[in-house]
Amino acid sequence: MQRAGQIMKQRPNNTKSKINSIEKAKKSIENNILDGILYPHQRLIEHEIATQLGMSRTPVREALKQLEAEGLVTRLPTRGLIVTAITGEDIRDTFIVREALETTAIKLVCDRITKKAVEKLKKYLENHQKIVNNSYQGVSSAIDPQWSILFHSELYLACENPKLINYIEELWDIERLSKVSRYFTESDYTAFHEQHNRIVQSISQRDQEEAVKAVKAHLDTMQQIYLKYF
């Protein structure tokens, strides 16, 4: 009985360790893909990756399955795995869907957002502008794209439609945004700030038509940047 009890106590730790190994493997492979170390169409050999990471093949296998589900890895008819090539068509298709979802959401936001939420959005924009200004004045160098996620999360939260929010967030692709954000210029950030301000102003006035135009303009800017760097 004592031995059984000891085994029961060990299981949570073993499970946690397994999950951590999978996450570590996934993060490493994902970063190498997004950084271009693993290039499009490159074959992914399970045992080679496991050796490089200093771990067993099991967590690597599970990590590759997850990346396959997310579209970063493609399984061939021969059962081999390769890095998925990101094409211009893929990017355009994604932004077509994003536009449909986000313009639908912004109309609901115009009807449902509170004054408190509008003020919160304005604060996000104000704080981020300070970060950008400091960066280009040499005070700091890193501009974390998470501010953008916070802004858009708060924005679409106001549509009060959980299913719609989930669909939108699934298409944001945070890791890819983190990569492409390295190439943002000062003029890009200026354009983003103006577009975000236009969105906030439109929803604060509950002007659906103007808000939809503002969202479309912002998505078009982002699409052109993705097409340029991918």
Protein backbone atom coordinates (compact mmCIF):
# COMPACT_ATOMS: atom_id res chain seq x y z
CA MET A 1 0.00 0.00 0.00
CA GLN A 2 2.84 2.33 0.83
CA ARG A 3 4.49 1.67 -2.53
CA ALA A 4 1.23 2.32 -4.36
CA GLY A 5 0.84 5.56 -2.46
CA GLN A 6 4.34 6.61 -3.39
CA ILE A 7 3.61 5.91 -7.06
CA MET A 8 0.42 7.96 -6.89
CA LYS A 9 2.38 10.87 -5.43
CA GLN A 10 5.00 10.65 -8.15
CA ARG A 11 2.58 10.73 -11.07
CA PRO A 12 1.77 14.47 -10.99
CA ASN A 13 5.48 15.33 -11.01
CA ASN A 14 6.17 12.90 -13.84
CA THR A 15 3.26 14.31 -15.82
CA LYS A 16 4.43 17.86 -15.23
CA SER A 17 7.96 16.95 -16.31
CA LYS A 18 6.63 15.35 -19.50
CA ILE A 19 4.53 18.42 -20.31
CA ASN A 20 7.51 20.72 -19.69
CA SER A 21 9.69 18.63 -22.02
CA ILE A 22 7.06 18.80 -24.77
CA GLU A 23 6.72 22.57 -24.35
CA LYS A 24 10.49 22.99 -24.40
CA ALA A 25 10.79 20.92 -27.59
CA LYS A 26 7.90 22.73 -29.26
CA LYS A 27 9.24 26.17 -28.37
CA SER A 28 12.71 25.32 -29.65
CA ILE A 29 11.49 23.90 -32.98
CA GLU A 30 8.98 26.73 -33.39
CA ASN A 31 11.62 29.41 -32.80
CA ASN A 32 14.01 27.76 -35.26
CA ILE A 33 11.27 27.73 -37.90
CA LEU A 34 10.25 31.34 -37.32
CA ASP A 35 13.89 32.50 -37.20
CA GLY A 36 14.66 30.76 -40.49
CA ILE A 37 17.15 28.30 -38.98
CA LEU A 38 14.81 25.55 -40.14
CA TYR A 39 13.84 26.60 -43.65
CA PRO A 40 10.67 25.87 -45.70
CA HIS A 41 10.47 22.29 -47.06
CA GLN A 42 13.34 21.14 -44.79
CA ARG A 43 12.83 17.59 -43.53
CA LEU A 44 12.45 17.27 -39.77
CA ILE A 45 14.18 14.14 -38.46
CA GLU A 46 12.81 13.22 -35.06
CA HIS A 47 15.92 11.53 -33.63
CA GLU A 48 18.21 14.33 -34.88
CA ILE A 49 16.10 16.99 -33.17
CA ALA A 50 15.97 14.92 -29.97
CA THR A 51 19.78 14.62 -29.97
CA GLN A 52 20.22 18.36 -30.54
CA LEU A 53 17.85 19.16 -27.67
CA GLY A 54 19.34 16.51 -25.38
CA MET A 55 16.04 14.75 -24.74
CA SER A 56 14.21 11.57 -25.71
CA ARG A 57 12.23 11.26 -28.94
CA THR A 58 8.85 11.07 -27.16
CA PRO A 59 8.44 14.79 -26.30
CA VAL A 60 9.87 15.75 -29.70
CA ARG A 61 7.30 13.52 -31.43
CA GLU A 62 4.46 15.14 -29.46
CA ALA A 63 5.83 18.64 -30.12
CA LEU A 64 5.92 17.95 -33.86
CA LYS A 65 2.31 16.73 -33.74
CA GLN A 66 1.26 20.01 -32.11
CA LEU A 67 3.20 22.07 -34.64
CA GLU A 68 1.59 20.05 -37.43
CA ALA A 69 -1.84 20.90 -36.02
CA GLU A 70 -0.86 24.59 -35.97
CA GLY A 71 0.30 24.47 -39.58
CA LEU A 72 4.01 25.12 -39.05
CA VAL A 73 4.86 21.52 -39.94
CA THR A 74 3.48 19.43 -42.82
CA ARG A 75 3.25 15.63 -43.00
CA LEU A 76 4.17 14.10 -46.34
CA PRO A 77 2.41 11.06 -47.92
CA THR A 78 5.60 9.15 -47.09
CA ARG A 79 4.89 9.97 -43.41
CA GLY A 80 7.91 12.25 -43.19
CA LEU A 81 7.64 15.79 -41.81
CA ILE A 82 8.84 19.04 -43.36
CA VAL A 83 8.73 22.71 -42.42
CA THR A 84 5.60 24.26 -43.96
CA ALA A 85 6.30 26.88 -46.59
CA ILE A 86 4.46 30.13 -45.86
CA THR A 87 3.20 31.50 -49.16
CA GLY A 88 1.72 34.83 -50.15
CA GLU A 89 -1.53 33.01 -50.82
CA ASP A 90 -1.57 31.66 -47.25
CA ILE A 91 -1.11 35.16 -45.86
CA ARG A 92 -3.79 36.67 -48.11
CA ASP A 93 -6.25 33.89 -47.22
CA THR A 94 -5.62 34.47 -43.52
CA PHE A 95 -6.24 38.20 -43.78
CA ILE A 96 -9.44 37.67 -45.78
CA VAL A 97 -10.78 35.62 -42.88
CA ARG A 98 -9.43 38.08 -40.31
CA GLU A 99 -11.18 40.96 -42.05
CA ALA A 100 -14.50 39.12 -42.06
CA LEU A 101 -14.24 38.25 -38.36
CA GLU A 102 -12.79 41.53 -37.09
CA THR A 103 -15.17 43.81 -38.98
CA THR A 104 -18.07 41.76 -37.60
CA ALA A 105 -16.62 42.09 -34.11
CA ILE A 106 -15.98 45.84 -34.38
CA LYS A 107 -19.63 46.47 -35.24
CA LEU A 108 -20.65 44.73 -32.02
CA VAL A 109 -17.97 46.66 -30.13
CA CYS A 110 -19.48 49.95 -31.31
CA ASP A 111 -22.80 48.95 -29.76
CA ARG A 112 -21.50 47.40 -26.54
CA ILE A 113 -18.26 49.02 -25.42
CA THR A 114 -18.26 51.00 -22.19
CA LYS A 115 -16.60 54.35 -21.50
CA LYS A 116 -14.30 52.62 -19.03
CA ALA A 117 -13.10 50.19 -21.72
CA VAL A 118 -12.51 53.07 -24.17
CA GLU A 119 -10.36 54.84 -21.59
CA LYS A 120 -8.41 51.65 -21.03
CA LEU A 121 -7.70 51.36 -24.76
CA LYS A 122 -6.51 54.97 -24.85
CA LYS A 123 -4.16 54.23 -21.96
CA TYR A 124 -2.67 51.25 -23.82
CA LEU A 125 -1.99 53.46 -26.83
CA GLU A 126 -0.49 56.22 -24.70
CA ASN A 127 1.85 53.84 -22.86
CA HIS A 128 2.97 52.11 -26.03
CA GLN A 129 3.71 55.40 -27.77
CA LYS A 130 6.05 56.25 -24.91
CA ILE A 131 7.84 52.91 -25.39
CA VAL A 132 8.24 53.54 -29.13
CA ASN A 133 9.50 57.07 -28.55
CA ASN A 134 12.04 55.88 -25.98
CA SER A 135 13.23 53.13 -28.31
CA TYR A 136 13.90 55.45 -31.22
CA GLN A 137 15.53 58.01 -28.96
CA GLY A 138 17.98 55.39 -27.75
CA VAL A 139 16.55 55.08 -24.23
CA SER A 140 15.59 51.45 -24.88
CA SER A 141 15.88 49.07 -27.80
CA ALA A 142 13.23 46.35 -27.46
CA ILE A 143 9.59 46.93 -28.40
CA ASP A 144 7.55 44.01 -27.13
CA PRO A 145 4.66 43.17 -29.51
CA GLN A 146 2.61 42.00 -26.52
CA TRP A 147 1.27 45.56 -26.17
CA SER A 148 -0.54 45.03 -29.47
CA ILE A 149 -2.07 41.80 -28.21
CA LEU A 150 -3.27 43.54 -25.04
CA PHE A 151 -4.82 46.36 -27.06
CA HIS A 152 -6.63 44.08 -29.51
CA SER A 153 -7.71 41.66 -26.79
CA GLU A 154 -9.27 44.51 -24.82
CA LEU A 155 -10.82 45.93 -27.98
CA TYR A 156 -12.58 42.74 -29.09
CA LEU A 157 -13.48 41.69 -25.56
CA ALA A 158 -16.07 44.46 -25.80
CA CYS A 159 -17.96 42.61 -28.56
CA GLU A 160 -19.12 40.22 -25.80
CA ASN A 161 -19.13 37.20 -28.13
CA PRO A 162 -16.71 34.53 -26.78
CA LYS A 163 -16.88 32.33 -29.89
CA LEU A 164 -16.06 35.23 -32.18
CA ILE A 165 -13.19 36.30 -29.90
CA ASN A 166 -11.74 32.77 -29.94
CA TYR A 167 -11.81 32.58 -33.74
CA ILE A 168 -10.07 35.96 -34.00
CA GLU A 169 -7.37 35.07 -31.48
CA GLU A 170 -6.62 31.77 -33.23
CA LEU A 171 -5.67 33.70 -36.36
CA TRP A 172 -3.44 36.28 -34.69
CA ASP A 173 -0.42 33.90 -34.55
CA ILE A 174 1.53 35.55 -31.72
CA GLU A 175 4.83 33.85 -32.52
CA ARG A 176 4.80 34.99 -36.13
CA LEU A 177 3.88 38.51 -35.03
CA SER A 178 6.88 38.46 -32.68
CA LYS A 179 9.14 37.58 -35.59
CA VAL A 180 7.80 40.11 -38.08
CA SER A 181 7.76 42.87 -35.43
CA ARG A 182 11.57 42.82 -35.49
CA TYR A 183 11.38 44.52 -38.87
CA PHE A 184 8.90 47.25 -37.92
CA THR A 185 10.23 50.72 -38.64
CA GLU A 186 9.46 53.97 -36.87
CA SER A 187 7.11 54.90 -39.73
CA ASP A 188 5.32 51.54 -39.30
CA TYR A 189 4.73 52.26 -35.62
CA THR A 190 3.51 55.75 -36.49
CA ALA A 191 1.01 54.26 -38.93
CA PHE A 192 -0.16 51.68 -36.37
CA HIS A 193 -0.65 54.39 -33.74
CA GLU A 194 -2.70 56.56 -36.09
CA GLN A 195 -4.81 53.59 -37.18
CA HIS A 196 -5.42 52.43 -33.62
CA ASN A 197 -6.39 55.95 -32.58
CA ARG A 198 -8.81 56.08 -35.50
CA ILE A 199 -10.37 52.80 -34.37
CA VAL A 200 -10.75 54.02 -30.79
CA GLN A 201 -12.21 57.32 -31.88
CA SER A 202 -14.75 55.56 -34.11
CA ILE A 203 -15.96 53.13 -31.48
CA SER A 204 -16.16 55.88 -28.83
CA GLN A 205 -18.53 57.68 -31.22
CA ARG A 206 -20.28 54.37 -31.98
CA ASP A 207 -19.70 54.97 -35.68
CA GLN A 208 -19.82 51.47 -37.18
CA GLU A 209 -19.06 52.53 -40.75
CA GLU A 210 -15.95 54.47 -39.77
CA ALA A 211 -14.81 51.75 -37.37
CA VAL A 212 -15.03 49.10 -40.10
CA LYS A 213 -13.00 51.32 -42.46
CA ALA A 214 -10.37 51.82 -39.76
CA VAL A 215 -10.07 48.09 -39.06
CA LYS A 216 -9.78 47.30 -42.78
CA ALA A 217 -7.04 49.92 -43.20
CA HIS A 218 -5.09 48.48 -40.28
CA LEU A 219 -5.40 44.89 -41.54
CA ASP A 220 -4.29 45.97 -45.02
CA THR A 221 -1.17 47.57 -43.53
CA MET A 222 -0.37 44.45 -41.54
CA GLN A 223 -0.93 42.20 -44.57
CA GLN A 224 1.51 44.20 -46.68
CA ILE A 225 4.16 43.91 -43.96
CA TYR A 226 3.66 40.15 -43.66
CA LEU A 227 3.89 39.75 -47.44
CA LYS A 228 7.09 41.78 -47.45
CA TYR A 229 8.92 39.82 -44.78
CA PHE A 230 7.55 36.31 -45.32
